[in-house]
Amino acid sequence: MRASPIQPTVDFDAHGEQHGFLKLPHSHDASAWGAEMIPITVIRNGDGPTALLTGGNHGDEYEGPIALSKLAATLKAADVKGRVIIVPFMNFPAFRAGTRTSPIDRGNLNRSFPGKPDGTITEKIADYFQRYLLPLADYVLDLHAGGRTLNFAPFAAIHLLPDERQQARCEVAMRAFGAPYSMRMLELDSVGLFDSAAEEAGKVFVSTELGGGGSATAQSVAVASRGVRGFLQHAGILTREASHDVSHEPGNEATRTTTLLDMPDGTCFTTSEHDGLLELCKDLGEMVESGEVIARVYDASRTGVTPVEYRARRGGLLAARHFPGLVRIGDTVAVVAHVVERGIPVNV
């Protein structure tokens, strides 16, 4: 396979702190010899594992970009044993546009792996991560949120893997992230995911869903910032002293816990079969009983019409919901997750 057209302006083997770019040539009407300049930070000190930290896989999700931008500006080589590679805006064209997919080719980066070095802009980015960055990493953390169309109870997530040892390592890393919830997540479609690429390469991989609505809150950013440092400490890359920063939520860190959730099958998902005005009958984090009405969809073209009721297909905790007030047929209205265990201590 041909080499990637992306050229890094950083040296991944050099010690110290480097801030540069992944330079992707992009010829277009406004710049004949232009390039997409994807920011990257590499911090290395001595021997040790490598963590690849990414945000902005989707361009309208902001907790990851904020937390990783803060980390890149504050983390010092003296705090590190090993190497940290930070890419806060993975799909940089989408991030600049504030959209889930790239405005250049409409590519969804998290459905484009393994990518192509001679493909679209999005496929070239995926190819570089697949063939050049993933092989460098031992631990991978990809920070997501709900974007403009979903909102989540904040959780770190892993998938069920065929390798039990890899599964166990991912689960411990997920708990070390220390989000209020920790999810064994079911994907409706796993083809082309960065998650799948990292897992198939044998990496310890953790993802997140932290809030949504196309913005970020002080609380969701605090969860992300604290979680990144907990993840790095668990990997043995960050000292315990360096793992604490001012972004932590108030509370006793020694007694912080997470609630383990599971998405065992498709009954977790409620999908709209109508267009209309959405009324959610439960808030995120609330418990739901099987058969309980969790949403109503009103016909917005006329009054006096009884709304369509959507009932939970299983009992559990409302972990995700459609965010905008209007819903279209095919949209996910709600996700109800099974509560496996509450009060699990976070290893920090």
Protein backbone atom coordinates (compact mmCIF):
# COMPACT_ATOMS: atom_id res chain seq x y z
CA MET A 1 0.00 0.00 0.00
CA ARG A 2 1.20 3.50 -0.79
CA ALA A 3 2.51 5.81 1.93
CA SER A 4 0.16 8.27 3.60
CA PRO A 5 0.18 11.79 2.17
CA ILE A 6 0.00 13.09 5.77
CA GLN A 7 3.31 14.34 7.10
CA PRO A 8 3.78 15.05 10.83
CA THR A 9 5.73 18.12 11.92
CA VAL A 10 6.60 16.38 15.21
CA ASP A 11 9.10 13.62 15.94
CA PHE A 12 7.33 10.79 17.75
CA ASP A 13 10.63 9.43 19.08
CA ALA A 14 11.98 12.71 20.48
CA HIS A 15 11.89 13.40 24.22
CA GLY A 16 10.29 16.50 25.67
CA GLU A 17 7.17 18.44 24.68
CA GLN A 18 6.27 19.05 21.04
CA HIS A 19 3.30 20.87 19.55
CA GLY A 20 2.82 20.61 15.81
CA PHE A 21 0.57 19.33 13.07
CA LEU A 22 -0.41 16.42 10.92
CA LYS A 23 -0.14 18.11 7.53
CA LEU A 24 -2.58 16.74 4.95
CA PRO A 25 -2.27 18.27 1.45
CA HIS A 26 -5.62 19.54 0.20
CA SER A 27 -5.87 21.37 -3.10
CA HIS A 28 -9.10 23.35 -3.43
CA ASP A 29 -10.48 26.54 -4.94
CA ALA A 30 -9.30 28.80 -2.12
CA SER A 31 -5.80 27.27 -1.85
CA ALA A 32 -4.27 25.43 -4.80
CA TRP A 33 -1.39 24.06 -2.72
CA GLY A 34 -3.20 24.12 0.60
CA ALA A 35 -3.25 21.67 3.49
CA GLU A 36 -5.45 20.59 6.37
CA MET A 37 -3.32 21.21 9.48
CA ILE A 38 -4.48 18.84 12.23
CA PRO A 39 -2.99 19.92 15.61
CA ILE A 40 -1.05 17.30 17.55
CA THR A 41 1.00 17.24 20.76
CA VAL A 42 3.60 14.62 21.66
CA ILE A 43 5.05 14.47 25.18
CA ARG A 44 7.72 11.89 25.94
CA ASN A 45 9.98 11.18 28.87
CA GLY A 46 12.01 7.99 29.25
CA ASP A 47 10.77 4.49 28.60
CA GLY A 48 7.20 3.45 29.22
CA PRO A 49 3.89 2.82 27.50
CA THR A 50 2.28 5.10 24.93
CA ALA A 51 -1.23 6.53 25.21
CA LEU A 52 -3.05 7.93 22.18
CA LEU A 53 -5.71 10.44 23.28
CA THR A 54 -8.20 11.69 20.70
CA GLY A 55 -11.16 14.05 20.57
CA GLY A 56 -13.16 15.59 17.76
CA ASN A 57 -13.72 12.30 15.95
CA HIS A 58 -17.06 13.97 15.31
CA GLY A 59 -16.81 17.71 14.89
CA ASP A 60 -19.79 18.76 17.03
CA GLU A 61 -18.67 17.01 20.24
CA TYR A 62 -16.71 19.31 22.54
CA GLU A 63 -15.77 17.71 25.87
CA GLY A 64 -12.87 15.84 24.27
CA PRO A 65 -11.43 18.83 22.38
CA ILE A 66 -11.65 21.03 25.49
CA ALA A 67 -10.15 18.49 27.91
CA LEU A 68 -7.36 17.51 25.52
CA SER A 69 -6.55 21.12 24.63
CA LYS A 70 -6.18 21.84 28.36
CA LEU A 71 -4.00 18.76 28.80
CA ALA A 72 -1.76 19.66 25.85
CA ALA A 73 -1.21 23.14 27.29
CA THR A 74 -0.40 22.00 30.83
CA LEU A 75 1.15 18.52 30.78
CA LYS A 76 4.93 18.53 31.16
CA ALA A 77 7.45 15.89 30.21
CA ALA A 78 8.53 15.64 33.84
CA ASP A 79 5.02 14.37 34.69
CA VAL A 80 5.26 11.54 32.17
CA LYS A 81 6.92 8.15 32.10
CA GLY A 82 6.55 7.00 28.53
CA ARG A 83 4.71 8.89 25.80
CA VAL A 84 1.42 10.72 25.35
CA ILE A 85 0.10 11.55 21.85
CA ILE A 86 -2.73 14.10 21.96
CA VAL A 87 -4.99 14.86 18.97
CA PRO A 88 -7.84 17.07 20.24
CA PHE A 89 -9.48 17.59 16.81
CA MET A 90 -9.21 14.28 15.01
CA ASN A 91 -11.57 15.20 12.15
CA PHE A 92 -10.30 18.76 11.96
CA PRO A 93 -12.42 19.88 8.97
CA ALA A 94 -15.58 18.72 10.77
CA PHE A 95 -14.48 20.36 14.01
CA ARG A 96 -13.91 23.73 12.33
CA ALA A 97 -17.35 23.52 10.74
CA GLY A 98 -19.04 22.41 13.97
CA THR A 99 -20.58 19.43 12.19
CA ARG A 100 -20.59 15.70 12.83
CA THR A 101 -19.17 14.93 9.39
CA SER A 102 -16.59 16.65 7.22
CA PRO A 103 -17.81 19.60 5.14
CA ILE A 104 -15.23 18.64 2.49
CA ASP A 105 -16.45 15.14 1.61
CA ARG A 106 -19.33 14.55 4.10
CA GLY A 107 -17.21 11.78 5.56
CA ASN A 108 -18.01 10.38 9.01
CA LEU A 109 -14.54 9.62 10.36
CA ASN A 110 -15.89 7.10 12.85
CA ARG A 111 -17.35 5.06 9.98
CA SER A 112 -14.29 5.33 7.69
CA PHE A 113 -11.70 2.93 9.12
CA PRO A 114 -9.35 1.47 7.98
CA GLY A 115 -9.35 4.34 5.48
CA LYS A 116 -7.42 4.78 2.24
CA PRO A 117 -4.20 6.72 1.59
CA ASP A 118 -5.53 7.65 -1.85
CA GLY A 119 -9.16 8.13 -0.82
CA THR A 120 -11.19 11.11 0.34
CA ILE A 121 -9.90 13.57 2.93
CA THR A 122 -11.71 11.65 5.69
CA GLU A 123 -10.38 8.29 4.45
CA LYS A 124 -6.83 9.69 4.40
CA ILE A 125 -7.16 10.79 8.04
CA ALA A 126 -8.51 7.35 9.02
CA ASP A 127 -5.68 5.63 7.16
CA TYR A 128 -3.03 7.66 8.98
CA PHE A 129 -4.45 6.79 12.39
CA GLN A 130 -4.85 3.15 11.39
CA ARG A 131 -1.36 2.59 9.96
CA TYR A 132 0.82 5.16 11.72
CA LEU A 133 -0.61 6.19 15.11
CA LEU A 134 -2.36 3.05 16.38
CA PRO A 135 0.82 0.94 16.04
CA LEU A 136 2.61 3.39 18.37
CA ALA A 137 -0.01 3.10 21.12
CA ASP A 138 -0.56 0.69 23.99
CA TYR A 139 -3.58 2.56 25.38
CA VAL A 140 -6.17 4.46 23.33
CA LEU A 141 -8.82 6.85 24.67
CA ASP A 142 -11.33 8.37 22.21
CA LEU A 143 -13.54 11.03 23.78
CA HIS A 144 -17.08 11.37 22.42
CA ALA A 145 -20.30 13.14 23.40
CA GLY A 146 -23.76 13.32 21.86
CA GLY A 147 -23.15 16.16 19.44
CA ARG A 148 -26.09 18.28 18.35
CA THR A 149 -28.65 15.47 18.17
CA LEU A 150 -28.09 13.32 21.28
CA ASN A 151 -27.54 13.78 25.00
CA PHE A 152 -26.05 11.21 27.38
CA ALA A 153 -25.76 10.49 31.05
CA PRO A 154 -21.94 10.81 31.20
CA PHE A 155 -20.25 7.44 30.78
CA ALA A 156 -16.99 5.81 29.78
CA ALA A 157 -17.51 2.80 27.55
CA ILE A 158 -16.01 -0.43 26.30
CA HIS A 159 -17.31 -3.21 24.05
CA LEU A 160 -17.59 -6.93 24.60
CA LEU A 161 -14.49 -8.48 23.01
CA PRO A 162 -13.68 -12.06 22.01
CA ASP A 163 -10.35 -11.92 23.91
CA GLU A 164 -11.21 -12.21 27.62
CA ARG A 165 -7.83 -10.84 28.76
CA GLN A 166 -8.13 -7.81 26.52
CA GLN A 167 -11.72 -7.34 27.70
CA ALA A 168 -10.61 -7.39 31.33
CA ARG A 169 -7.84 -4.84 30.70
CA CYS A 170 -10.26 -2.51 28.90
CA GLU A 171 -12.79 -2.81 31.72
CA VAL A 172 -10.25 -1.86 34.40
CA ALA A 173 -9.15 1.14 32.29
CA MET A 174 -12.79 2.18 31.84
CA ARG A 175 -13.33 2.17 35.60
CA ALA A 176 -10.11 4.11 36.13
CA PHE A 177 -11.49 6.84 33.86
CA GLY A 178 -13.98 7.36 36.67
CA ALA A 179 -17.05 8.70 34.89
CA PRO A 180 -20.30 8.69 36.87
CA TYR A 181 -21.36 5.73 34.71
CA SER A 182 -19.35 2.95 33.02
CA MET A 183 -21.02 1.25 30.06
CA ARG A 184 -20.61 -2.09 28.33
CA MET A 185 -21.84 -0.65 25.07
CA LEU A 186 -23.70 -2.26 22.18
CA GLU A 187 -23.09 -0.67 18.76
CA LEU A 188 -25.91 -0.68 16.22
CA ASP A 189 -23.25 -0.75 13.48
CA SER A 190 -19.58 -1.31 14.29
CA VAL A 191 -18.28 -1.30 10.70
CA GLY A 192 -15.62 1.35 10.13
CA LEU A 193 -15.30 2.45 13.77
CA PHE A 194 -12.05 3.76 15.22
CA ASP A 195 -13.07 1.67 18.23
CA SER A 196 -13.01 -1.53 16.18
CA ALA A 197 -9.68 -0.63 14.59
CA ALA A 198 -8.06 -0.11 18.01
CA GLU A 199 -9.62 -3.22 19.53
CA GLU A 200 -8.67 -5.44 16.58
CA ALA A 201 -5.10 -4.17 16.95
CA GLY A 202 -5.11 -5.48 20.54
CA LYS A 203 -5.03 -2.09 22.26
CA VAL A 204 -6.56 -1.20 25.61
CA PHE A 205 -9.37 0.96 24.27
CA VAL A 206 -11.88 3.16 26.11
CA SER A 207 -14.44 5.51 24.59
CA THR A 208 -16.88 7.92 26.22
CA GLU A 209 -20.22 9.62 25.76
CA LEU A 210 -20.16 12.78 27.88
CA GLY A 211 -23.22 14.98 27.58
CA GLY A 212 -24.28 16.40 24.22
CA GLY A 213 -26.54 18.95 22.62
CA GLY A 214 -23.70 20.42 20.57
CA SER A 215 -22.09 22.12 23.56
CA ALA A 216 -20.32 21.29 26.81
CA THR A 217 -20.97 22.06 30.47
CA ALA A 218 -18.59 22.74 33.33
CA GLN A 219 -19.54 19.37 34.79
CA SER A 220 -19.04 17.38 31.58
CA VAL A 221 -15.65 18.99 30.93
CA ALA A 222 -14.63 18.23 34.52
CA VAL A 223 -15.56 14.57 34.01
CA ALA A 224 -13.51 14.48 30.80
CA SER A 225 -10.46 16.23 32.25
CA ARG A 226 -10.40 14.13 35.41
CA GLY A 227 -11.02 10.97 33.40
CA VAL A 228 -8.13 11.58 31.01
CA ARG A 229 -5.72 11.91 33.90
CA GLY A 230 -7.16 8.86 35.64
CA PHE A 231 -6.74 6.89 32.43
CA LEU A 232 -3.09 8.00 32.08
CA GLN A 233 -2.37 7.20 35.70
CA HIS A 234 -3.86 3.73 35.28
CA ALA A 235 -1.62 3.21 32.23
CA GLY A 236 1.42 3.98 34.38
CA ILE A 237 2.27 7.04 32.30
CA LEU A 238 1.26 9.78 34.73
CA THR A 239 2.30 10.12 38.35
CA ARG A 240 -0.45 10.23 40.96
CA GLU A 241 0.47 13.82 41.84
CA ALA A 242 0.24 14.94 38.21
CA SER A 243 -3.09 13.15 37.75
CA HIS A 244 -4.91 15.77 39.83
CA ASP A 245 -5.77 19.21 38.48
CA VAL A 246 -8.15 22.09 39.12
CA SER A 247 -10.77 20.69 36.74
CA HIS A 248 -11.87 18.04 39.25
CA GLU A 249 -15.41 18.11 40.47
CA PRO A 250 -15.80 18.78 44.20
CA GLY A 251 -15.85 15.76 46.43
CA ASN A 252 -13.71 13.20 48.13
CA GLU A 253 -11.65 11.52 45.41
CA ALA A 254 -10.92 8.58 47.69
CA THR A 255 -14.62 7.66 47.86
CA ARG A 256 -15.68 8.41 44.28
CA THR A 257 -17.64 5.62 42.61
CA THR A 258 -19.08 4.67 39.22
CA THR A 259 -22.23 2.78 38.24
CA LEU A 260 -21.72 -0.11 35.82
CA LEU A 261 -24.27 -0.26 33.00
CA ASP A 262 -24.84 -2.79 30.22
CA MET A 263 -26.58 -2.69 26.83
CA PRO A 264 -27.27 -6.40 26.34
CA ASP A 265 -29.39 -6.26 23.18
CA GLY A 266 -31.44 -4.14 20.81
CA THR A 267 -34.31 -3.74 23.28
CA CYS A 268 -32.24 -0.96 24.85
CA PHE A 269 -33.05 1.28 21.87
CA THR A 270 -36.31 3.10 21.19
CA THR A 271 -36.56 4.36 17.61
CA SER A 272 -39.09 6.88 16.36
CA GLU A 273 -41.48 5.70 13.68
CA HIS A 274 -42.98 9.16 13.24
CA ASP A 275 -42.02 12.76 12.51
CA GLY A 276 -43.16 15.33 15.02
CA LEU A 277 -42.77 17.19 18.30
CA LEU A 278 -40.96 15.14 20.95
CA GLU A 279 -41.89 14.98 24.63
CA LEU A 280 -39.48 12.98 26.80
CA CYS A 281 -41.25 11.65 29.88
CA LYS A 282 -38.07 10.76 31.79
CA ASP A 283 -34.82 12.62 32.39
CA LEU A 284 -31.33 11.22 31.93
CA GLY A 285 -30.23 9.07 34.87
CA GLU A 286 -33.78 8.23 35.94
CA MET A 287 -34.96 4.65 36.29
CA VAL A 288 -37.50 3.31 33.81
CA GLU A 289 -39.78 0.29 34.09
CA SER A 290 -40.43 -2.06 31.19
CA GLY A 291 -43.58 -0.94 29.37
CA GLU A 292 -43.51 2.54 30.89
CA VAL A 293 -44.16 5.50 28.59
CA ILE A 294 -40.83 7.21 28.03
CA ALA A 295 -41.73 9.54 25.15
CA ARG A 296 -44.61 10.96 23.15
CA VAL A 297 -44.50 12.27 19.60
CA TYR A 298 -47.10 14.86 18.60
CA ASP A 299 -48.28 15.50 15.05
CA ALA A 300 -47.09 19.06 14.59
CA SER A 301 -49.18 19.63 11.46
CA ARG A 302 -52.50 19.83 13.33
CA THR A 303 -54.02 20.09 16.81
CA GLY A 304 -56.48 17.79 18.51
CA VAL A 305 -54.59 14.62 17.60
CA THR A 306 -53.60 12.11 20.27
CA PRO A 307 -49.80 11.77 20.43
CA VAL A 308 -48.05 8.49 19.71
CA GLU A 309 -46.69 6.92 22.90
CA TYR A 310 -43.36 5.11 22.99
CA ARG A 311 -42.88 2.60 25.79
CA ALA A 312 -39.64 1.20 27.17
CA ARG A 313 -38.86 -2.25 25.83
CA ARG A 314 -36.89 -3.05 29.00
CA GLY A 315 -36.40 -1.68 32.47
CA GLY A 316 -33.27 0.18 33.49
CA LEU A 317 -31.64 3.60 33.52
CA LEU A 318 -32.27 6.24 30.85
CA ALA A 319 -28.73 6.61 29.50
CA ALA A 320 -29.33 8.57 26.30
CA ARG A 321 -32.03 10.64 24.63
CA HIS A 322 -32.73 12.51 21.43
CA PHE A 323 -31.76 16.13 22.03
CA PRO A 324 -33.67 18.42 19.63
CA GLY A 325 -37.33 19.13 20.29
CA LEU A 326 -38.34 17.82 16.88
CA VAL A 327 -37.87 14.18 15.94
CA ARG A 328 -37.87 12.40 12.58
CA ILE A 329 -38.73 8.85 11.67
CA GLY A 330 -35.67 6.67 12.24
CA ASP A 331 -34.17 8.82 15.01
CA THR A 332 -33.13 7.15 18.25
CA VAL A 333 -35.48 8.57 20.86
CA ALA A 334 -34.01 6.94 23.96
CA VAL A 335 -31.58 4.31 25.22
CA VAL A 336 -32.35 2.36 28.40
CA ALA A 337 -29.40 0.51 29.93
CA HIS A 338 -29.40 -2.32 32.44
CA VAL A 339 -27.90 -1.39 35.81
CA VAL A 340 -25.32 -4.08 36.66
CA GLU A 341 -23.78 -2.64 39.82
CA ARG A 342 -23.78 0.65 41.70
CA GLY A 343 -21.13 2.13 43.95
CA ILE A 344 -18.05 0.63 42.31
CA PRO A 345 -14.92 2.37 43.68
CA VAL A 346 -12.91 4.29 41.11
CA ASN A 347 -9.22 3.38 41.13
CA VAL A 348 -7.47 6.75 41.29
